[in-house]
């Protein structure tokens, strides 16, 4: 069983990695980071391209056997609806596995904030056939109640955000320890977020 952790990751930061490690440990699963090509609930466009965000994720997860990057959304139509992504993953994995079915059952990871929007999701009623929905939340966070949520995992509080990283880069401030070193070097080399 693999868990899917979707998001903008513009850029990936230590908060994302700490959450993924906590979830991998709690569920005993591998976490696939799923960079969104274009998220329907995000008002602003991404700064880095989908390919750049996937490259930064690959740098961030290198060396951790519990982590992988799943770039399937980069080839799907926009916006990136979760149900479409899950169907494409299930179809691809059935083809790779010889069509025998039965293979991987996915766990879809959602932050408590994203889970608030669950009732408005495209074809939300199709989710249970495709994945189990697990919400991760910081201590004291408000957890929405929804019949599709199968489990809640408490994760450490880390006050780092992608928007905060972008703001620091734009202001010429250090992002050391906010993102992995390889991601920091990538951002500098590509002139991102300036």
N, C-alpha and C. Protein backbone atom coordinates (compact mmCIF):
# COMPACT_ATOMS: atom_id res chain seq x y z
N UNK A 1 0.85 -1.19 0.00
CA UNK A 1 0.00 0.00 0.00
C UNK A 1 0.89 1.24 0.00
N UNK A 2 0.56 2.17 -0.88
CA UNK A 2 1.28 3.44 -0.94
C UNK A 2 0.33 4.57 -0.56
N UNK A 3 0.90 5.57 0.09
CA UNK A 3 0.14 6.77 0.42
C UNK A 3 0.51 7.86 -0.58
N UNK A 4 -0.47 8.61 -1.02
CA UNK A 4 -0.28 9.68 -1.97
C UNK A 4 -0.42 11.02 -1.27
N UNK A 5 0.62 11.84 -1.35
CA UNK A 5 0.66 13.15 -0.70
C UNK A 5 0.71 14.19 -1.81
N UNK A 6 -0.44 14.73 -2.15
CA UNK A 6 -0.53 15.71 -3.23
C UNK A 6 -0.37 17.12 -2.73
N UNK A 7 0.02 18.00 -3.63
CA UNK A 7 0.13 19.40 -3.28
C UNK A 7 0.86 20.19 -4.35
N UNK A 8 0.96 21.48 -4.11
CA UNK A 8 1.67 22.36 -5.04
C UNK A 8 3.17 22.14 -4.93
N UNK A 9 3.66 22.03 -3.71
CA UNK A 9 5.09 21.88 -3.45
C UNK A 9 5.88 22.97 -4.21
N UNK A 10 5.49 24.21 -3.96
CA UNK A 10 6.06 25.35 -4.70
C UNK A 10 6.75 26.33 -3.76
N UNK A 11 7.88 25.92 -3.13
CA UNK A 11 8.62 24.68 -3.26
C UNK A 11 8.30 23.71 -2.11
N UNK A 12 8.81 22.48 -2.26
CA UNK A 12 8.77 21.52 -1.16
C UNK A 12 9.64 22.09 -0.04
N UNK A 13 9.23 21.88 1.21
CA UNK A 13 9.99 22.38 2.35
C UNK A 13 10.02 21.33 3.46
N UNK A 14 10.76 21.62 4.52
CA UNK A 14 10.94 20.63 5.59
C UNK A 14 9.63 20.23 6.25
N UNK A 15 8.67 21.12 6.30
CA UNK A 15 7.36 20.78 6.87
C UNK A 15 6.71 19.63 6.12
N UNK A 16 6.77 19.68 4.78
CA UNK A 16 6.21 18.58 3.98
C UNK A 16 6.91 17.27 4.30
N UNK A 17 8.23 17.32 4.41
CA UNK A 17 9.01 16.11 4.64
C UNK A 17 8.78 15.53 6.02
N UNK A 18 8.64 16.38 7.02
CA UNK A 18 8.37 15.92 8.39
C UNK A 18 7.00 15.25 8.46
N UNK A 19 6.00 15.85 7.82
CA UNK A 19 4.66 15.26 7.78
C UNK A 19 4.72 13.90 7.09
N UNK A 20 5.38 13.82 5.95
CA UNK A 20 5.45 12.56 5.21
C UNK A 20 6.15 11.47 6.01
N UNK A 21 7.21 11.84 6.72
CA UNK A 21 7.92 10.86 7.55
C UNK A 21 7.02 10.36 8.68
N UNK A 22 6.28 11.27 9.30
CA UNK A 22 5.37 10.89 10.39
C UNK A 22 4.27 9.95 9.88
N UNK A 23 3.75 10.23 8.70
CA UNK A 23 2.70 9.40 8.12
C UNK A 23 3.26 8.04 7.71
N UNK A 24 4.43 8.03 7.08
CA UNK A 24 5.05 6.76 6.67
C UNK A 24 5.26 5.87 7.88
N UNK A 25 5.69 6.48 8.97
CA UNK A 25 5.93 5.73 10.21
C UNK A 25 4.63 5.23 10.81
N UNK A 26 3.61 6.09 10.87
CA UNK A 26 2.33 5.72 11.49
C UNK A 26 1.60 4.63 10.71
N UNK A 27 1.67 4.69 9.38
CA UNK A 27 0.93 3.75 8.55
C UNK A 27 1.77 2.58 8.05
N UNK A 28 3.11 2.68 8.19
CA UNK A 28 3.98 1.65 7.66
C UNK A 28 3.91 1.57 6.14
N UNK A 29 3.88 2.72 5.49
CA UNK A 29 3.75 2.78 4.03
C UNK A 29 4.86 3.59 3.40
N UNK A 30 4.95 3.49 2.08
CA UNK A 30 5.79 4.37 1.29
C UNK A 30 4.91 5.57 0.91
N UNK A 31 5.49 6.76 0.94
CA UNK A 31 4.75 7.97 0.57
C UNK A 31 5.21 8.44 -0.80
N UNK A 32 4.25 8.58 -1.70
CA UNK A 32 4.53 9.13 -3.02
C UNK A 32 4.07 10.59 -3.03
N UNK A 33 5.01 11.48 -3.27
CA UNK A 33 4.69 12.91 -3.39
C UNK A 33 4.13 13.14 -4.79
N UNK A 34 2.98 13.77 -4.85
CA UNK A 34 2.23 13.94 -6.08
C UNK A 34 2.10 15.43 -6.41
N UNK A 35 3.06 16.00 -7.16
CA UNK A 35 2.94 17.42 -7.47
C UNK A 35 1.77 17.69 -8.40
N UNK A 36 0.92 18.63 -8.02
CA UNK A 36 -0.25 18.99 -8.83
C UNK A 36 0.19 19.83 -10.02
N UNK A 37 -0.38 19.53 -11.14
CA UNK A 37 -0.11 20.36 -12.32
C UNK A 37 -0.82 21.70 -12.15
N UNK A 38 -2.10 21.63 -11.78
CA UNK A 38 -2.88 22.84 -11.52
C UNK A 38 -4.01 22.49 -10.57
N UNK A 39 -3.95 23.03 -9.36
CA UNK A 39 -4.95 22.69 -8.35
C UNK A 39 -6.22 23.53 -8.50
N UNK A 40 -7.39 22.89 -8.51
CA UNK A 40 -8.63 23.63 -8.68
C UNK A 40 -8.97 24.57 -7.52
N UNK A 41 -8.49 24.29 -6.29
CA UNK A 41 -8.83 25.13 -5.14
C UNK A 41 -7.79 26.20 -4.83
N UNK A 42 -6.72 26.27 -5.62
CA UNK A 42 -5.69 27.30 -5.39
C UNK A 42 -6.01 28.49 -6.27
N UNK A 43 -6.13 29.66 -5.65
CA UNK A 43 -6.45 30.86 -6.41
C UNK A 43 -5.30 31.34 -7.28
N UNK A 44 -4.09 31.32 -6.75
CA UNK A 44 -2.93 31.85 -7.47
C UNK A 44 -2.25 30.74 -8.28
N UNK A 45 -1.67 31.14 -9.38
CA UNK A 45 -0.93 30.18 -10.20
C UNK A 45 0.38 29.82 -9.50
N UNK A 46 0.90 28.67 -9.85
CA UNK A 46 2.20 28.27 -9.31
C UNK A 46 3.28 29.17 -9.89
N UNK A 47 4.34 29.36 -9.13
CA UNK A 47 5.48 30.16 -9.59
C UNK A 47 6.41 29.28 -10.40
N UNK A 48 6.84 28.17 -9.83
CA UNK A 48 7.70 27.22 -10.54
C UNK A 48 6.84 26.36 -11.46
N UNK A 49 7.41 25.89 -12.56
CA UNK A 49 6.67 25.03 -13.47
C UNK A 49 6.40 23.68 -12.81
N UNK A 50 5.45 22.91 -13.33
CA UNK A 50 5.22 21.57 -12.77
C UNK A 50 6.49 20.72 -12.81
N UNK A 51 7.25 20.83 -13.89
CA UNK A 51 8.48 20.04 -14.01
C UNK A 51 9.53 20.47 -12.97
N UNK A 52 9.64 21.78 -12.74
CA UNK A 52 10.59 22.27 -11.73
C UNK A 52 10.18 21.80 -10.34
N UNK A 53 8.89 21.83 -10.04
CA UNK A 53 8.42 21.38 -8.73
C UNK A 53 8.68 19.88 -8.54
N UNK A 54 8.50 19.09 -9.61
CA UNK A 54 8.80 17.65 -9.54
C UNK A 54 10.30 17.42 -9.36
N UNK A 55 11.13 18.22 -10.03
CA UNK A 55 12.59 18.09 -9.89
C UNK A 55 13.02 18.43 -8.47
N UNK A 56 12.44 19.49 -7.88
CA UNK A 56 12.78 19.84 -6.50
C UNK A 56 12.36 18.73 -5.54
N UNK A 57 11.18 18.13 -5.79
CA UNK A 57 10.73 17.01 -4.95
C UNK A 57 11.70 15.84 -5.05
N UNK A 58 12.14 15.53 -6.25
CA UNK A 58 13.08 14.42 -6.43
C UNK A 58 14.37 14.67 -5.65
N UNK A 59 14.85 15.90 -5.66
CA UNK A 59 16.05 16.24 -4.88
C UNK A 59 15.78 16.09 -3.38
N UNK A 60 14.59 16.53 -2.95
CA UNK A 60 14.25 16.51 -1.53
C UNK A 60 14.11 15.10 -0.97
N UNK A 61 13.60 14.16 -1.76
CA UNK A 61 13.33 12.82 -1.26
C UNK A 61 14.45 11.82 -1.54
N UNK A 62 15.45 12.26 -2.29
CA UNK A 62 16.57 11.36 -2.64
C UNK A 62 17.19 10.78 -1.37
N UNK A 63 17.41 9.49 -1.38
CA UNK A 63 18.05 8.84 -0.23
C UNK A 63 17.08 8.32 0.82
N UNK A 64 15.80 8.62 0.70
CA UNK A 64 14.83 8.08 1.66
C UNK A 64 14.01 7.00 0.95
N UNK A 65 14.23 5.73 1.29
CA UNK A 65 13.53 4.64 0.60
C UNK A 65 12.02 4.63 0.84
N UNK A 66 11.55 5.39 1.84
CA UNK A 66 10.11 5.45 2.10
C UNK A 66 9.42 6.50 1.25
N UNK A 67 10.20 7.30 0.51
CA UNK A 67 9.63 8.39 -0.29
C UNK A 67 9.88 8.17 -1.78
N UNK A 68 8.95 8.65 -2.59
CA UNK A 68 9.10 8.65 -4.04
C UNK A 68 8.32 9.84 -4.58
N UNK A 69 8.62 10.21 -5.82
CA UNK A 69 7.86 11.26 -6.50
C UNK A 69 7.00 10.58 -7.55
N UNK A 70 5.73 10.92 -7.58
CA UNK A 70 4.78 10.37 -8.55
C UNK A 70 4.36 11.50 -9.49
N UNK A 71 4.94 11.54 -10.71
CA UNK A 71 4.70 12.67 -11.62
C UNK A 71 3.50 12.50 -12.55
N UNK A 72 2.60 11.57 -12.29
CA UNK A 72 1.53 11.26 -13.24
C UNK A 72 0.66 12.47 -13.61
N UNK A 73 0.44 13.39 -12.67
CA UNK A 73 -0.43 14.54 -12.97
C UNK A 73 0.16 15.45 -14.02
N UNK A 74 1.49 15.41 -14.20
CA UNK A 74 2.11 16.30 -15.17
C UNK A 74 1.66 15.99 -16.59
N UNK A 75 1.15 14.78 -16.81
CA UNK A 75 0.69 14.40 -18.14
C UNK A 75 -0.82 14.34 -18.27
N UNK A 76 -1.55 14.75 -17.24
CA UNK A 76 -3.01 14.68 -17.28
C UNK A 76 -3.61 16.06 -17.59
N UNK A 77 -4.86 16.09 -18.06
CA UNK A 77 -5.52 17.38 -18.34
C UNK A 77 -5.67 18.21 -17.07
N UNK A 78 -5.71 19.52 -17.23
CA UNK A 78 -5.94 20.42 -16.10
C UNK A 78 -7.41 20.79 -16.03
N UNK A 79 -7.92 21.15 -14.82
CA UNK A 79 -7.21 21.15 -13.55
C UNK A 79 -6.97 19.73 -13.03
N UNK A 80 -6.12 19.63 -12.00
CA UNK A 80 -5.73 18.34 -11.44
C UNK A 80 -6.79 17.86 -10.44
N UNK A 81 -7.78 17.14 -10.94
CA UNK A 81 -8.80 16.58 -10.06
C UNK A 81 -8.28 15.25 -9.50
N UNK A 82 -8.38 15.08 -8.20
CA UNK A 82 -7.86 13.89 -7.52
C UNK A 82 -8.45 12.61 -8.08
N UNK A 83 -9.74 12.60 -8.36
CA UNK A 83 -10.39 11.40 -8.87
C UNK A 83 -9.78 10.98 -10.21
N UNK A 84 -9.55 11.96 -11.08
CA UNK A 84 -8.91 11.65 -12.38
C UNK A 84 -7.51 11.07 -12.17
N UNK A 85 -6.77 11.68 -11.26
CA UNK A 85 -5.40 11.22 -10.98
C UNK A 85 -5.42 9.79 -10.45
N UNK A 86 -6.29 9.51 -9.49
CA UNK A 86 -6.38 8.17 -8.93
C UNK A 86 -6.77 7.14 -9.99
N UNK A 87 -7.74 7.49 -10.84
CA UNK A 87 -8.13 6.56 -11.92
C UNK A 87 -6.95 6.27 -12.84
N UNK A 88 -6.20 7.31 -13.19
CA UNK A 88 -5.04 7.13 -14.08
C UNK A 88 -3.98 6.25 -13.42
N UNK A 89 -3.76 6.44 -12.11
CA UNK A 89 -2.79 5.62 -11.38
C UNK A 89 -3.23 4.16 -11.32
N UNK A 90 -4.50 3.94 -10.99
CA UNK A 90 -5.02 2.57 -10.90
C UNK A 90 -4.91 1.88 -12.26
N UNK A 91 -5.29 2.61 -13.32
CA UNK A 91 -5.22 2.04 -14.67
C UNK A 91 -3.77 1.71 -15.05
N UNK A 92 -2.86 2.64 -14.80
CA UNK A 92 -1.45 2.42 -15.13
C UNK A 92 -0.89 1.21 -14.37
N UNK A 93 -1.21 1.12 -13.09
CA UNK A 93 -0.65 0.04 -12.27
C UNK A 93 -1.26 -1.31 -12.61
N UNK A 94 -2.51 -1.31 -13.06
CA UNK A 94 -3.12 -2.57 -13.51
C UNK A 94 -2.44 -3.03 -14.80
N UNK A 95 -2.14 -2.08 -15.69
CA UNK A 95 -1.44 -2.43 -16.93
C UNK A 95 -0.03 -2.95 -16.63
N UNK A 96 0.67 -2.27 -15.72
CA UNK A 96 2.04 -2.69 -15.37
C UNK A 96 2.05 -4.03 -14.66
N UNK A 97 0.98 -4.32 -13.91
CA UNK A 97 0.90 -5.57 -13.17
C UNK A 97 0.25 -6.69 -13.96
N UNK A 98 0.05 -6.46 -15.26
CA UNK A 98 -0.54 -7.50 -16.09
C UNK A 98 -2.06 -7.52 -16.04
N UNK A 99 -2.67 -6.46 -15.48
CA UNK A 99 -4.13 -6.38 -15.47
C UNK A 99 -4.79 -7.29 -14.46
N UNK A 100 -4.03 -7.84 -13.54
CA UNK A 100 -4.59 -8.76 -12.56
C UNK A 100 -5.43 -8.12 -11.49
N UNK A 101 -5.52 -6.79 -11.47
CA UNK A 101 -6.30 -6.13 -10.43
C UNK A 101 -5.61 -6.27 -9.10
N UNK A 102 -6.36 -6.41 -8.06
CA UNK A 102 -5.88 -6.72 -6.73
C UNK A 102 -4.69 -5.97 -6.18
N UNK A 103 -3.85 -5.36 -6.99
CA UNK A 103 -2.58 -4.78 -6.57
C UNK A 103 -2.66 -3.77 -5.46
N UNK A 104 -2.17 -2.62 -5.73
CA UNK A 104 -1.98 -1.58 -4.73
C UNK A 104 -3.29 -0.86 -4.40
N UNK A 105 -3.63 -0.77 -3.13
CA UNK A 105 -4.75 0.06 -2.68
C UNK A 105 -4.11 1.33 -2.16
N UNK A 106 -4.53 2.46 -2.69
CA UNK A 106 -3.92 3.73 -2.30
C UNK A 106 -4.55 4.32 -1.06
N UNK A 107 -3.73 5.07 -0.34
CA UNK A 107 -4.20 5.91 0.76
C UNK A 107 -3.97 7.34 0.32
N UNK A 108 -5.00 8.14 0.34
CA UNK A 108 -4.91 9.53 -0.05
C UNK A 108 -4.73 10.36 1.21
N UNK A 109 -3.61 11.10 1.29
CA UNK A 109 -3.31 11.92 2.46
C UNK A 109 -3.81 13.34 2.23
N UNK A 110 -4.53 13.86 3.22
CA UNK A 110 -5.03 15.23 3.14
C UNK A 110 -4.71 15.96 4.44
N UNK A 111 -4.26 17.19 4.31
CA UNK A 111 -4.13 18.03 5.48
C UNK A 111 -5.52 18.42 5.96
N UNK A 112 -5.63 18.81 7.22
CA UNK A 112 -6.94 19.18 7.78
C UNK A 112 -7.58 20.31 6.99
N UNK A 113 -6.79 21.27 6.51
CA UNK A 113 -7.35 22.38 5.71
C UNK A 113 -7.93 21.88 4.41
N UNK A 114 -7.19 21.04 3.69
CA UNK A 114 -7.68 20.50 2.41
C UNK A 114 -8.92 19.64 2.63
N UNK A 115 -8.96 18.92 3.75
CA UNK A 115 -10.10 18.06 4.03
C UNK A 115 -11.39 18.86 4.23
N UNK A 116 -11.26 20.13 4.63
CA UNK A 116 -12.45 20.98 4.78
C UNK A 116 -13.19 21.13 3.45
N UNK A 117 -12.43 21.11 2.34
CA UNK A 117 -13.02 21.28 1.01
C UNK A 117 -13.54 19.98 0.40
N UNK A 118 -13.37 18.87 1.08
CA UNK A 118 -13.74 17.56 0.54
C UNK A 118 -15.17 17.51 -0.05
N UNK A 119 -16.18 18.08 0.62
CA UNK A 119 -17.53 18.02 0.05
C UNK A 119 -17.65 18.70 -1.33
N UNK A 120 -16.77 19.64 -1.65
CA UNK A 120 -16.83 20.35 -2.93
C UNK A 120 -15.98 19.69 -4.02
N UNK A 121 -15.29 18.62 -3.72
CA UNK A 121 -14.40 17.99 -4.69
C UNK A 121 -15.17 17.42 -5.87
N UNK A 122 -14.52 17.42 -7.00
CA UNK A 122 -15.04 16.83 -8.24
C UNK A 122 -15.22 15.33 -8.04
N UNK A 123 -16.43 14.82 -8.28
CA UNK A 123 -16.75 13.39 -8.17
C UNK A 123 -16.29 12.77 -6.86
N UNK A 124 -16.48 13.49 -5.76
CA UNK A 124 -16.01 13.01 -4.44
C UNK A 124 -16.59 11.65 -4.09
N UNK A 125 -17.80 11.35 -4.57
CA UNK A 125 -18.45 10.08 -4.24
C UNK A 125 -17.71 8.87 -4.83
N UNK A 126 -16.83 9.12 -5.79
CA UNK A 126 -16.04 8.03 -6.40
C UNK A 126 -14.78 7.68 -5.62
N UNK A 127 -14.38 8.53 -4.67
CA UNK A 127 -13.13 8.32 -3.94
C UNK A 127 -13.01 6.96 -3.24
N UNK A 128 -14.05 6.49 -2.51
CA UNK A 128 -13.88 5.24 -1.77
C UNK A 128 -13.52 4.03 -2.63
N UNK A 129 -13.91 4.03 -3.90
CA UNK A 129 -13.56 2.92 -4.78
C UNK A 129 -12.09 2.97 -5.18
N UNK A 130 -11.46 4.13 -5.01
CA UNK A 130 -10.11 4.35 -5.50
C UNK A 130 -9.04 4.44 -4.41
N UNK A 131 -9.43 4.91 -3.23
CA UNK A 131 -8.44 5.13 -2.16
C UNK A 131 -9.13 5.29 -0.81
N UNK A 132 -8.35 5.04 0.23
CA UNK A 132 -8.78 5.37 1.59
C UNK A 132 -8.32 6.80 1.87
N UNK A 133 -9.15 7.58 2.53
CA UNK A 133 -8.80 8.97 2.82
C UNK A 133 -8.32 9.08 4.27
N UNK A 134 -7.07 9.52 4.42
CA UNK A 134 -6.48 9.71 5.75
C UNK A 134 -6.11 11.18 5.88
N UNK A 135 -6.52 11.78 6.98
CA UNK A 135 -6.23 13.19 7.24
C UNK A 135 -5.08 13.28 8.23
N UNK A 136 -4.13 14.18 7.94
CA UNK A 136 -3.08 14.45 8.90
C UNK A 136 -3.31 15.85 9.46
N UNK A 137 -3.05 16.00 10.74
CA UNK A 137 -3.32 17.28 11.38
C UNK A 137 -2.35 17.53 12.52
N UNK A 138 -2.07 18.79 12.74
CA UNK A 138 -1.24 19.19 13.86
C UNK A 138 -2.07 19.13 15.14
N UNK A 139 -1.41 18.98 16.29
CA UNK A 139 -2.16 18.93 17.54
C UNK A 139 -3.05 20.16 17.69
N UNK A 140 -4.30 19.94 18.06
CA UNK A 140 -5.23 21.04 18.29
C UNK A 140 -5.94 21.53 17.04
N UNK A 141 -5.60 21.00 15.87
CA UNK A 141 -6.25 21.43 14.63
C UNK A 141 -7.70 20.95 14.60
N UNK A 142 -8.54 21.69 13.91
CA UNK A 142 -9.93 21.29 13.73
C UNK A 142 -10.00 20.28 12.59
N UNK A 143 -10.52 19.11 12.90
CA UNK A 143 -10.64 18.05 11.91
C UNK A 143 -12.08 18.03 11.41
N UNK A 144 -12.26 18.14 10.10
CA UNK A 144 -13.62 18.08 9.59
C UNK A 144 -14.18 16.66 9.74
N UNK A 145 -15.47 16.55 9.87
CA UNK A 145 -16.09 15.23 9.89
C UNK A 145 -16.66 14.98 8.51
N UNK A 146 -16.28 13.89 7.93
CA UNK A 146 -16.77 13.50 6.62
C UNK A 146 -16.74 11.98 6.57
N UNK A 147 -17.76 11.38 6.02
CA UNK A 147 -17.88 9.92 6.00
C UNK A 147 -16.73 9.24 5.26
N UNK A 148 -16.04 9.96 4.37
CA UNK A 148 -14.95 9.36 3.60
C UNK A 148 -13.63 9.29 4.36
N UNK A 149 -13.51 10.05 5.44
CA UNK A 149 -12.26 10.07 6.21
C UNK A 149 -12.19 8.80 7.06
N UNK A 150 -11.16 7.98 6.77
CA UNK A 150 -11.06 6.69 7.46
C UNK A 150 -10.15 6.74 8.69
N UNK A 151 -9.27 7.73 8.73
CA UNK A 151 -8.33 7.82 9.86
C UNK A 151 -7.75 9.23 9.93
N UNK A 152 -7.36 9.61 11.15
CA UNK A 152 -6.67 10.88 11.37
C UNK A 152 -5.34 10.58 12.05
N UNK A 153 -4.28 11.18 11.53
CA UNK A 153 -2.94 11.00 12.09
C UNK A 153 -2.44 12.34 12.59
N UNK A 154 -1.98 12.35 13.84
CA UNK A 154 -1.41 13.58 14.38
C UNK A 154 0.04 13.70 13.92
N UNK A 155 0.40 14.89 13.43
CA UNK A 155 1.77 15.14 12.96
C UNK A 155 2.34 16.34 13.72
N UNK A 156 3.68 16.44 13.76
CA UNK A 156 4.30 17.56 14.48
C UNK A 156 3.94 18.92 13.87
N UNK A 157 3.94 19.91 14.72
CA UNK A 157 3.71 21.28 14.26
C UNK A 157 5.03 21.87 13.79
N UNK A 158 5.06 22.27 12.53
CA UNK A 158 6.24 22.92 11.96
C UNK A 158 5.73 24.15 11.22
N UNK A 159 6.10 25.33 11.69
CA UNK A 159 5.57 26.56 11.11
C UNK A 159 6.43 27.04 9.94
N UNK A 160 6.39 26.26 8.85
CA UNK A 160 7.10 26.60 7.62
C UNK A 160 6.08 26.46 6.51
N UNK A 161 6.04 27.41 5.60
CA UNK A 161 5.12 27.34 4.47
C UNK A 161 5.85 27.65 3.17
N UNK A 162 5.30 27.16 2.08
CA UNK A 162 5.89 27.45 0.77
C UNK A 162 5.82 28.95 0.48
N UNK A 163 4.73 29.59 0.87
CA UNK A 163 4.62 31.04 0.64
C UNK A 163 5.67 31.79 1.46
N UNK A 164 5.94 31.31 2.67
CA UNK A 164 6.99 31.91 3.49
C UNK A 164 8.36 31.76 2.87
N UNK A 165 8.63 30.57 2.28
CA UNK A 165 9.90 30.34 1.59
C UNK A 165 10.01 31.30 0.41
N UNK A 166 8.96 31.41 -0.39
CA UNK A 166 8.99 32.29 -1.56
C UNK A 166 9.21 33.75 -1.15
N UNK A 167 8.57 34.16 -0.07
CA UNK A 167 8.71 35.54 0.43
C UNK A 167 10.16 35.80 0.85
N UNK A 168 10.75 34.84 1.55
CA UNK A 168 12.14 35.00 2.00
C UNK A 168 13.10 35.09 0.80
N UNK A 169 12.89 34.24 -0.20
CA UNK A 169 13.74 34.28 -1.39
C UNK A 169 13.60 35.63 -2.08
N UNK A 170 12.37 36.10 -2.25
CA UNK A 170 12.12 37.38 -2.92
C UNK A 170 12.78 38.55 -2.19
N UNK A 171 12.87 38.42 -0.85
CA UNK A 171 13.47 39.49 -0.04
C UNK A 171 14.99 39.32 0.08
N UNK A 172 15.55 38.27 -0.54
CA UNK A 172 16.98 38.04 -0.47
C UNK A 172 17.43 37.45 0.85
N UNK A 173 16.50 36.84 1.60
CA UNK A 173 16.82 36.25 2.90
C UNK A 173 17.15 34.77 2.76
N UNK A 174 17.81 34.23 3.73
CA UNK A 174 18.22 32.83 3.73
C UNK A 174 17.02 31.90 3.89
N UNK A 175 17.07 30.78 3.15
CA UNK A 175 16.08 29.72 3.35
C UNK A 175 16.78 28.43 3.82
N UNK A 176 17.99 28.60 4.29
CA UNK A 176 18.71 27.45 4.84
C UNK A 176 17.91 26.87 6.01
N UNK A 177 17.79 25.58 6.04
CA UNK A 177 17.02 24.82 7.03
C UNK A 177 15.51 24.89 6.81
N UNK A 178 15.04 25.74 5.91
CA UNK A 178 13.62 25.79 5.56
C UNK A 178 13.31 24.73 4.50
N UNK A 179 14.32 24.50 3.63
CA UNK A 179 14.21 23.51 2.56
C UNK A 179 15.49 22.66 2.59
N UNK A 180 15.46 21.46 2.03
CA UNK A 180 16.71 20.70 1.95
C UNK A 180 17.76 21.47 1.15
N UNK A 181 19.02 21.24 1.47
CA UNK A 181 20.11 21.96 0.78
C UNK A 181 20.03 21.83 -0.73
N UNK A 182 19.73 20.63 -1.24
CA UNK A 182 19.67 20.43 -2.69
C UNK A 182 18.56 21.28 -3.32
N UNK A 183 17.47 21.45 -2.60
CA UNK A 183 16.37 22.29 -3.10
C UNK A 183 16.77 23.76 -3.06
N UNK A 184 17.44 24.16 -2.00
CA UNK A 184 17.93 25.55 -1.89
C UNK A 184 18.87 25.87 -3.04
N UNK A 185 19.77 24.94 -3.35
CA UNK A 185 20.71 25.14 -4.46
C UNK A 185 19.98 25.19 -5.81
N UNK A 186 18.96 24.37 -5.96
CA UNK A 186 18.17 24.35 -7.20
C UNK A 186 17.46 25.70 -7.39
N UNK A 187 16.85 26.20 -6.32
CA UNK A 187 16.14 27.48 -6.37
C UNK A 187 17.11 28.59 -6.80
N UNK A 188 18.30 28.60 -6.20
CA UNK A 188 19.29 29.62 -6.55
C UNK A 188 19.77 29.47 -7.98
N UNK A 189 20.07 28.24 -8.40
CA UNK A 189 20.58 27.99 -9.75
C UNK A 189 19.57 28.35 -10.84
N UNK A 190 18.28 28.21 -10.53
CA UNK A 190 17.24 28.50 -11.53
C UNK A 190 16.60 29.87 -11.35
N UNK A 191 17.09 30.64 -10.37
CA UNK A 191 16.55 31.99 -10.15
C UNK A 191 15.07 32.02 -9.80
N UNK A 192 14.61 30.99 -9.11
CA UNK A 192 13.18 30.91 -8.75
C UNK A 192 12.82 31.84 -7.60
N UNK A 193 11.59 32.33 -7.63
CA UNK A 193 10.97 33.09 -6.54
C UNK A 193 11.58 34.46 -6.30
N UNK A 194 12.43 34.97 -7.18
CA UNK A 194 13.05 36.28 -6.97
C UNK A 194 12.10 37.39 -7.36
